[in-house]
């Protein structure tokens, strides 16, 4: 049986961007419609198209929102908890890789590649498993 991490890696090889790969690999676990998730995450690959915050990590942030939010019936009520979850994900990702910025991870700043896209996807999946699914 294929793990979600393996599925994310396979989706990336098929042409999904890093954010799409991560989010779509976890649609079943977060009760998300995969087609909508794919479309929603499209603008978040390559560091939101700007080589800023890593797309794989952004996908994890999206799932933190799905897990933590109470939705439109309770606007603002759960933002703090969701922000806390995204900060924890970002901190753990940065501690592992030395950055969470796509241009730094890819070595565009200093020529030092810190992590490949498949590596970032793997790290984001591990963090989702540890921080978001562990207590689901």
N, C-alpha and C. Protein backbone atom coordinates (compact mmCIF):
# COMPACT_ATOMS: atom_id res chain seq x y z
N UNK A 1 0.84 -1.19 0.00
CA UNK A 1 0.00 0.00 0.00
C UNK A 1 0.88 1.25 0.00
N UNK A 2 0.55 2.18 -0.83
CA UNK A 2 1.30 3.43 -0.97
C UNK A 2 1.05 4.35 0.22
N UNK A 3 2.12 4.87 0.82
CA UNK A 3 1.96 5.84 1.90
C UNK A 3 1.59 7.19 1.29
N UNK A 4 1.14 8.09 2.12
CA UNK A 4 0.81 9.43 1.63
C UNK A 4 2.07 10.14 1.13
N UNK A 5 3.21 9.92 1.80
CA UNK A 5 4.45 10.52 1.35
C UNK A 5 4.82 10.00 -0.04
N UNK A 6 4.69 8.70 -0.24
CA UNK A 6 4.97 8.13 -1.56
C UNK A 6 4.01 8.69 -2.61
N UNK A 7 2.76 8.86 -2.21
CA UNK A 7 1.77 9.43 -3.14
C UNK A 7 2.14 10.86 -3.49
N UNK A 8 2.55 11.65 -2.50
CA UNK A 8 2.95 13.04 -2.75
C UNK A 8 4.13 13.08 -3.72
N UNK A 9 5.09 12.20 -3.52
CA UNK A 9 6.26 12.15 -4.41
C UNK A 9 5.84 11.74 -5.82
N UNK A 10 4.93 10.79 -5.93
CA UNK A 10 4.45 10.36 -7.25
C UNK A 10 3.68 11.48 -7.95
N UNK A 11 2.85 12.18 -7.21
CA UNK A 11 2.09 13.30 -7.79
C UNK A 11 3.04 14.38 -8.31
N UNK A 12 4.10 14.65 -7.55
CA UNK A 12 5.07 15.65 -7.98
C UNK A 12 5.73 15.23 -9.29
N UNK A 13 6.08 13.96 -9.40
CA UNK A 13 6.68 13.45 -10.64
C UNK A 13 5.72 13.54 -11.82
N UNK A 14 4.41 13.54 -11.52
CA UNK A 14 3.39 13.63 -12.58
C UNK A 14 3.17 15.07 -13.04
N UNK A 15 3.75 16.04 -12.33
CA UNK A 15 3.59 17.43 -12.74
C UNK A 15 2.87 18.32 -11.74
N UNK A 16 2.41 17.76 -10.64
CA UNK A 16 1.83 18.59 -9.59
C UNK A 16 2.95 19.44 -9.00
N UNK A 17 2.63 20.68 -8.59
CA UNK A 17 3.66 21.46 -7.91
C UNK A 17 3.79 20.96 -6.47
N UNK A 18 4.75 21.49 -5.74
CA UNK A 18 5.01 21.00 -4.38
C UNK A 18 3.80 21.14 -3.46
N UNK A 19 3.12 22.27 -3.52
CA UNK A 19 1.95 22.49 -2.66
C UNK A 19 0.83 21.52 -3.04
N UNK A 20 0.57 21.37 -4.33
CA UNK A 20 -0.47 20.44 -4.79
C UNK A 20 -0.15 19.01 -4.39
N UNK A 21 1.11 18.64 -4.52
CA UNK A 21 1.52 17.28 -4.18
C UNK A 21 1.21 16.96 -2.73
N UNK A 22 1.55 17.88 -1.85
CA UNK A 22 1.34 17.67 -0.42
C UNK A 22 -0.14 17.68 -0.09
N UNK A 23 -0.85 18.71 -0.50
CA UNK A 23 -2.27 18.83 -0.14
C UNK A 23 -3.07 17.65 -0.71
N UNK A 24 -2.86 17.33 -1.97
CA UNK A 24 -3.65 16.26 -2.60
C UNK A 24 -3.34 14.88 -2.01
N UNK A 25 -2.12 14.68 -1.54
CA UNK A 25 -1.79 13.39 -0.93
C UNK A 25 -2.54 13.17 0.38
N UNK A 26 -3.03 14.25 0.99
CA UNK A 26 -3.71 14.16 2.28
C UNK A 26 -5.20 14.47 2.20
N UNK A 27 -5.76 14.59 1.02
CA UNK A 27 -7.19 14.92 0.90
C UNK A 27 -8.06 13.94 1.66
N UNK A 28 -7.75 12.66 1.58
CA UNK A 28 -8.56 11.66 2.28
C UNK A 28 -8.52 11.85 3.79
N UNK A 29 -7.36 12.19 4.32
CA UNK A 29 -7.20 12.33 5.77
C UNK A 29 -7.88 13.59 6.32
N UNK A 30 -8.08 14.59 5.45
CA UNK A 30 -8.67 15.85 5.89
C UNK A 30 -10.04 16.09 5.26
N UNK A 31 -10.60 15.05 4.65
CA UNK A 31 -11.93 15.10 4.05
C UNK A 31 -12.06 16.27 3.07
N UNK A 32 -11.10 16.36 2.14
CA UNK A 32 -11.09 17.42 1.15
C UNK A 32 -11.41 16.86 -0.23
N UNK A 33 -12.09 17.65 -1.03
CA UNK A 33 -12.31 17.33 -2.43
C UNK A 33 -11.00 17.57 -3.17
N UNK A 34 -10.46 16.53 -3.80
CA UNK A 34 -9.13 16.62 -4.41
C UNK A 34 -9.07 17.61 -5.58
N UNK A 35 -10.10 17.67 -6.37
CA UNK A 35 -10.10 18.59 -7.52
C UNK A 35 -10.03 20.04 -7.03
N UNK A 36 -10.81 20.38 -6.02
CA UNK A 36 -10.78 21.74 -5.47
C UNK A 36 -9.44 22.01 -4.80
N UNK A 37 -8.93 21.05 -4.06
CA UNK A 37 -7.64 21.22 -3.39
C UNK A 37 -6.54 21.45 -4.42
N UNK A 38 -6.55 20.69 -5.51
CA UNK A 38 -5.56 20.84 -6.58
C UNK A 38 -5.60 22.26 -7.14
N UNK A 39 -6.80 22.73 -7.44
CA UNK A 39 -6.95 24.07 -8.01
C UNK A 39 -6.52 25.15 -7.02
N UNK A 40 -6.92 24.99 -5.77
CA UNK A 40 -6.61 25.98 -4.73
C UNK A 40 -5.10 26.09 -4.50
N UNK A 41 -4.40 24.97 -4.55
CA UNK A 41 -2.97 24.96 -4.25
C UNK A 41 -2.10 25.35 -5.45
N UNK A 42 -2.69 25.49 -6.62
CA UNK A 42 -1.89 25.71 -7.83
C UNK A 42 -1.00 26.95 -7.76
N UNK A 43 -1.46 28.01 -7.16
CA UNK A 43 -0.67 29.25 -7.10
C UNK A 43 0.40 29.26 -6.03
N UNK A 44 0.54 28.15 -5.30
CA UNK A 44 1.46 28.14 -4.17
C UNK A 44 2.76 27.39 -4.43
N UNK A 45 2.91 26.78 -5.61
CA UNK A 45 4.16 26.12 -5.94
C UNK A 45 5.25 27.15 -6.20
N UNK A 46 6.48 26.69 -6.21
CA UNK A 46 7.64 27.58 -6.41
C UNK A 46 7.60 28.78 -5.47
N UNK A 47 7.29 28.49 -4.23
CA UNK A 47 7.26 29.56 -3.24
C UNK A 47 6.26 30.64 -3.59
N UNK A 48 5.04 30.22 -3.91
CA UNK A 48 3.95 31.11 -4.32
C UNK A 48 4.27 31.80 -5.64
N UNK A 49 5.07 31.10 -6.47
CA UNK A 49 5.47 31.65 -7.76
C UNK A 49 6.51 32.74 -7.65
N UNK A 50 6.93 33.04 -6.42
CA UNK A 50 7.89 34.12 -6.15
C UNK A 50 9.17 33.61 -5.51
N UNK A 51 9.28 32.30 -5.37
CA UNK A 51 10.41 31.66 -4.68
C UNK A 51 10.53 32.15 -3.23
N UNK A 52 9.40 32.34 -2.60
CA UNK A 52 9.36 32.73 -1.19
C UNK A 52 9.08 31.49 -0.34
N UNK A 53 8.05 31.48 0.49
CA UNK A 53 7.80 30.34 1.38
C UNK A 53 7.60 29.06 0.56
N UNK A 54 8.35 28.03 0.91
CA UNK A 54 8.33 26.74 0.21
C UNK A 54 6.90 26.25 -0.02
N UNK A 55 6.63 25.81 -1.25
CA UNK A 55 5.30 25.32 -1.59
C UNK A 55 4.88 24.10 -0.80
N UNK A 56 5.81 23.17 -0.57
CA UNK A 56 5.47 21.97 0.20
C UNK A 56 5.06 22.36 1.62
N UNK A 57 5.79 23.29 2.21
CA UNK A 57 5.45 23.77 3.56
C UNK A 57 4.12 24.52 3.53
N UNK A 58 3.90 25.29 2.49
CA UNK A 58 2.62 26.00 2.35
C UNK A 58 1.46 25.02 2.28
N UNK A 59 1.67 23.90 1.60
CA UNK A 59 0.64 22.86 1.58
C UNK A 59 0.34 22.35 2.97
N UNK A 60 1.37 22.18 3.78
CA UNK A 60 1.17 21.77 5.18
C UNK A 60 0.40 22.84 5.95
N UNK A 61 0.72 24.12 5.68
CA UNK A 61 -0.01 25.22 6.33
C UNK A 61 -1.49 25.16 5.97
N UNK A 62 -1.79 24.88 4.70
CA UNK A 62 -3.19 24.78 4.28
C UNK A 62 -3.92 23.69 5.06
N UNK A 63 -3.25 22.56 5.23
CA UNK A 63 -3.86 21.46 5.98
C UNK A 63 -4.02 21.80 7.46
N UNK A 64 -3.10 22.60 8.00
CA UNK A 64 -3.25 23.06 9.39
C UNK A 64 -4.52 23.90 9.53
N UNK A 65 -4.81 24.70 8.51
CA UNK A 65 -6.04 25.49 8.53
C UNK A 65 -7.27 24.63 8.46
N UNK A 66 -7.22 23.61 7.62
CA UNK A 66 -8.36 22.69 7.51
C UNK A 66 -8.60 21.99 8.85
N UNK A 67 -7.52 21.58 9.48
CA UNK A 67 -7.66 20.89 10.76
C UNK A 67 -8.15 21.82 11.87
N UNK A 68 -7.60 23.02 11.93
CA UNK A 68 -7.87 23.88 13.07
C UNK A 68 -9.07 24.79 12.97
N UNK A 69 -9.52 25.11 11.76
CA UNK A 69 -10.58 26.09 11.60
C UNK A 69 -11.96 25.52 11.91
N UNK A 70 -12.80 26.35 12.50
CA UNK A 70 -14.20 25.99 12.71
C UNK A 70 -15.07 26.49 11.57
N UNK A 71 -14.45 27.16 10.59
CA UNK A 71 -15.17 27.58 9.40
C UNK A 71 -15.91 28.89 9.55
N UNK A 72 -16.75 29.18 8.56
CA UNK A 72 -17.41 30.49 8.47
C UNK A 72 -18.43 30.74 9.58
N UNK A 73 -18.87 29.70 10.24
CA UNK A 73 -19.82 29.88 11.35
C UNK A 73 -19.16 30.52 12.57
N UNK A 74 -17.84 30.49 12.62
CA UNK A 74 -17.10 31.01 13.78
C UNK A 74 -15.89 31.83 13.33
N UNK A 75 -16.11 32.91 12.56
CA UNK A 75 -14.97 33.67 12.04
C UNK A 75 -14.09 34.23 13.16
N UNK A 76 -12.80 34.05 12.98
CA UNK A 76 -11.83 34.59 13.93
C UNK A 76 -11.59 33.76 15.16
N UNK A 77 -12.48 32.83 15.45
CA UNK A 77 -12.41 32.08 16.70
C UNK A 77 -11.20 31.15 16.77
N UNK A 78 -10.80 30.61 15.64
CA UNK A 78 -9.74 29.60 15.65
C UNK A 78 -8.43 30.07 15.01
N UNK A 79 -8.37 31.33 14.58
CA UNK A 79 -7.17 31.82 13.90
C UNK A 79 -5.91 31.65 14.75
N UNK A 80 -5.99 32.00 16.00
CA UNK A 80 -4.81 31.92 16.87
C UNK A 80 -4.24 30.52 16.95
N UNK A 81 -5.10 29.55 17.11
CA UNK A 81 -4.66 28.15 17.19
C UNK A 81 -4.05 27.70 15.86
N UNK A 82 -4.65 28.12 14.76
CA UNK A 82 -4.12 27.76 13.44
C UNK A 82 -2.76 28.42 13.22
N UNK A 83 -2.63 29.69 13.57
CA UNK A 83 -1.34 30.39 13.44
C UNK A 83 -0.27 29.71 14.29
N UNK A 84 -0.65 29.27 15.46
CA UNK A 84 0.29 28.55 16.33
C UNK A 84 0.77 27.27 15.64
N UNK A 85 -0.14 26.57 15.00
CA UNK A 85 0.21 25.33 14.29
C UNK A 85 1.13 25.63 13.11
N UNK A 86 0.84 26.70 12.35
CA UNK A 86 1.70 27.01 11.21
C UNK A 86 3.08 27.48 11.68
N UNK A 87 3.15 28.21 12.76
CA UNK A 87 4.46 28.61 13.30
C UNK A 87 5.27 27.39 13.71
N UNK A 88 4.62 26.41 14.33
CA UNK A 88 5.32 25.19 14.75
C UNK A 88 5.82 24.41 13.53
N UNK A 89 5.00 24.31 12.50
CA UNK A 89 5.41 23.63 11.28
C UNK A 89 6.60 24.36 10.64
N UNK A 90 6.49 25.68 10.54
CA UNK A 90 7.56 26.47 9.94
C UNK A 90 8.86 26.39 10.71
N UNK A 91 8.76 26.43 12.02
CA UNK A 91 9.97 26.35 12.86
C UNK A 91 10.66 25.00 12.68
N UNK A 92 9.89 23.92 12.71
CA UNK A 92 10.47 22.59 12.56
C UNK A 92 11.10 22.41 11.17
N UNK A 93 10.44 22.93 10.14
CA UNK A 93 10.96 22.84 8.78
C UNK A 93 12.27 23.63 8.67
N UNK A 94 12.29 24.82 9.23
CA UNK A 94 13.49 25.66 9.18
C UNK A 94 14.64 25.03 9.97
N UNK A 95 14.34 24.45 11.12
CA UNK A 95 15.39 23.79 11.91
C UNK A 95 16.02 22.64 11.13
N UNK A 96 15.22 21.91 10.38
CA UNK A 96 15.73 20.78 9.61
C UNK A 96 16.54 21.23 8.40
N UNK A 97 16.08 22.29 7.73
CA UNK A 97 16.64 22.67 6.44
C UNK A 97 17.43 23.97 6.42
N UNK A 98 17.43 24.70 7.49
CA UNK A 98 18.16 25.97 7.52
C UNK A 98 17.39 27.14 6.93
N UNK A 99 16.23 26.88 6.37
CA UNK A 99 15.38 27.93 5.79
C UNK A 99 14.02 27.33 5.47
N UNK A 100 13.05 28.20 5.26
CA UNK A 100 11.76 27.78 4.72
C UNK A 100 11.45 28.55 3.43
N UNK A 101 12.44 29.31 2.96
CA UNK A 101 12.28 30.10 1.74
C UNK A 101 12.79 29.32 0.53
N UNK A 102 11.96 29.22 -0.48
CA UNK A 102 12.28 28.45 -1.68
C UNK A 102 13.60 28.90 -2.29
N UNK A 103 13.81 30.20 -2.45
CA UNK A 103 15.03 30.66 -3.11
C UNK A 103 16.29 30.31 -2.31
N UNK A 104 16.18 30.26 -1.00
CA UNK A 104 17.33 29.84 -0.19
C UNK A 104 17.50 28.32 -0.24
N UNK A 105 16.40 27.58 -0.17
CA UNK A 105 16.46 26.12 -0.24
C UNK A 105 17.07 25.66 -1.56
N UNK A 106 16.76 26.36 -2.63
CA UNK A 106 17.23 25.99 -3.97
C UNK A 106 18.61 26.58 -4.29
N UNK A 107 19.19 27.37 -3.38
CA UNK A 107 20.53 27.91 -3.59
C UNK A 107 20.58 29.11 -4.51
N UNK A 108 19.45 29.76 -4.75
CA UNK A 108 19.43 30.93 -5.63
C UNK A 108 20.15 32.13 -5.00
N UNK A 109 20.24 32.14 -3.69
CA UNK A 109 20.85 33.26 -2.98
C UNK A 109 22.36 33.13 -2.92
N UNK A 110 22.83 31.93 -2.58
CA UNK A 110 24.27 31.76 -2.32
C UNK A 110 24.90 30.57 -3.05
N UNK A 111 24.14 29.89 -3.90
CA UNK A 111 24.67 28.75 -4.64
C UNK A 111 24.69 27.45 -3.86
N UNK A 112 24.24 27.47 -2.61
CA UNK A 112 24.22 26.28 -1.77
C UNK A 112 22.80 25.71 -1.74
N UNK A 113 22.61 24.57 -2.39
CA UNK A 113 21.29 23.92 -2.38
C UNK A 113 21.12 23.22 -1.04
N UNK A 114 20.14 23.66 -0.26
CA UNK A 114 19.89 23.09 1.05
C UNK A 114 18.96 21.89 0.99
N UNK A 115 17.99 21.92 0.05
CA UNK A 115 17.01 20.83 -0.05
C UNK A 115 16.37 20.87 -1.43
N UNK A 116 16.18 19.70 -2.02
CA UNK A 116 15.49 19.59 -3.30
C UNK A 116 13.98 19.64 -3.08
N UNK A 117 13.23 19.83 -4.15
CA UNK A 117 11.77 19.79 -4.01
C UNK A 117 11.28 18.45 -3.46
N UNK A 118 11.74 17.31 -3.99
CA UNK A 118 11.31 16.04 -3.39
C UNK A 118 11.66 15.95 -1.90
N UNK A 119 12.79 16.49 -1.50
CA UNK A 119 13.16 16.49 -0.09
C UNK A 119 12.24 17.37 0.74
N UNK A 120 11.88 18.52 0.19
CA UNK A 120 10.94 19.41 0.89
C UNK A 120 9.57 18.76 1.04
N UNK A 121 9.12 18.07 0.00
CA UNK A 121 7.84 17.35 0.06
C UNK A 121 7.90 16.28 1.14
N UNK A 122 8.99 15.54 1.18
CA UNK A 122 9.17 14.52 2.21
C UNK A 122 9.12 15.14 3.60
N UNK A 123 9.82 16.24 3.80
CA UNK A 123 9.84 16.89 5.11
C UNK A 123 8.46 17.41 5.49
N UNK A 124 7.76 18.01 4.55
CA UNK A 124 6.41 18.52 4.84
C UNK A 124 5.48 17.37 5.22
N UNK A 125 5.58 16.26 4.52
CA UNK A 125 4.75 15.09 4.85
C UNK A 125 5.06 14.56 6.24
N UNK A 126 6.33 14.48 6.58
CA UNK A 126 6.70 14.01 7.92
C UNK A 126 6.12 14.93 9.00
N UNK A 127 6.19 16.24 8.76
CA UNK A 127 5.64 17.19 9.73
C UNK A 127 4.13 17.06 9.85
N UNK A 128 3.46 16.85 8.74
CA UNK A 128 2.01 16.65 8.78
C UNK A 128 1.68 15.42 9.60
N UNK A 129 2.40 14.35 9.36
CA UNK A 129 2.18 13.11 10.11
C UNK A 129 2.41 13.33 11.61
N UNK A 130 3.49 14.01 11.95
CA UNK A 130 3.86 14.22 13.36
C UNK A 130 2.99 15.26 14.06
N UNK A 131 2.70 16.36 13.38
CA UNK A 131 2.07 17.49 14.07
C UNK A 131 0.57 17.63 13.81
N UNK A 132 0.10 17.16 12.68
CA UNK A 132 -1.31 17.35 12.37
C UNK A 132 -2.13 16.07 12.46
N UNK A 133 -1.55 14.95 12.11
CA UNK A 133 -2.32 13.70 12.14
C UNK A 133 -2.15 12.92 13.43
N UNK A 134 -1.06 13.13 14.09
CA UNK A 134 -0.77 12.40 15.33
C UNK A 134 -1.91 12.52 16.34
N UNK A 135 -2.50 13.70 16.41
CA UNK A 135 -3.57 13.96 17.39
C UNK A 135 -4.94 14.07 16.76
N UNK A 136 -5.07 13.64 15.52
CA UNK A 136 -6.35 13.83 14.81
C UNK A 136 -7.41 12.91 15.34
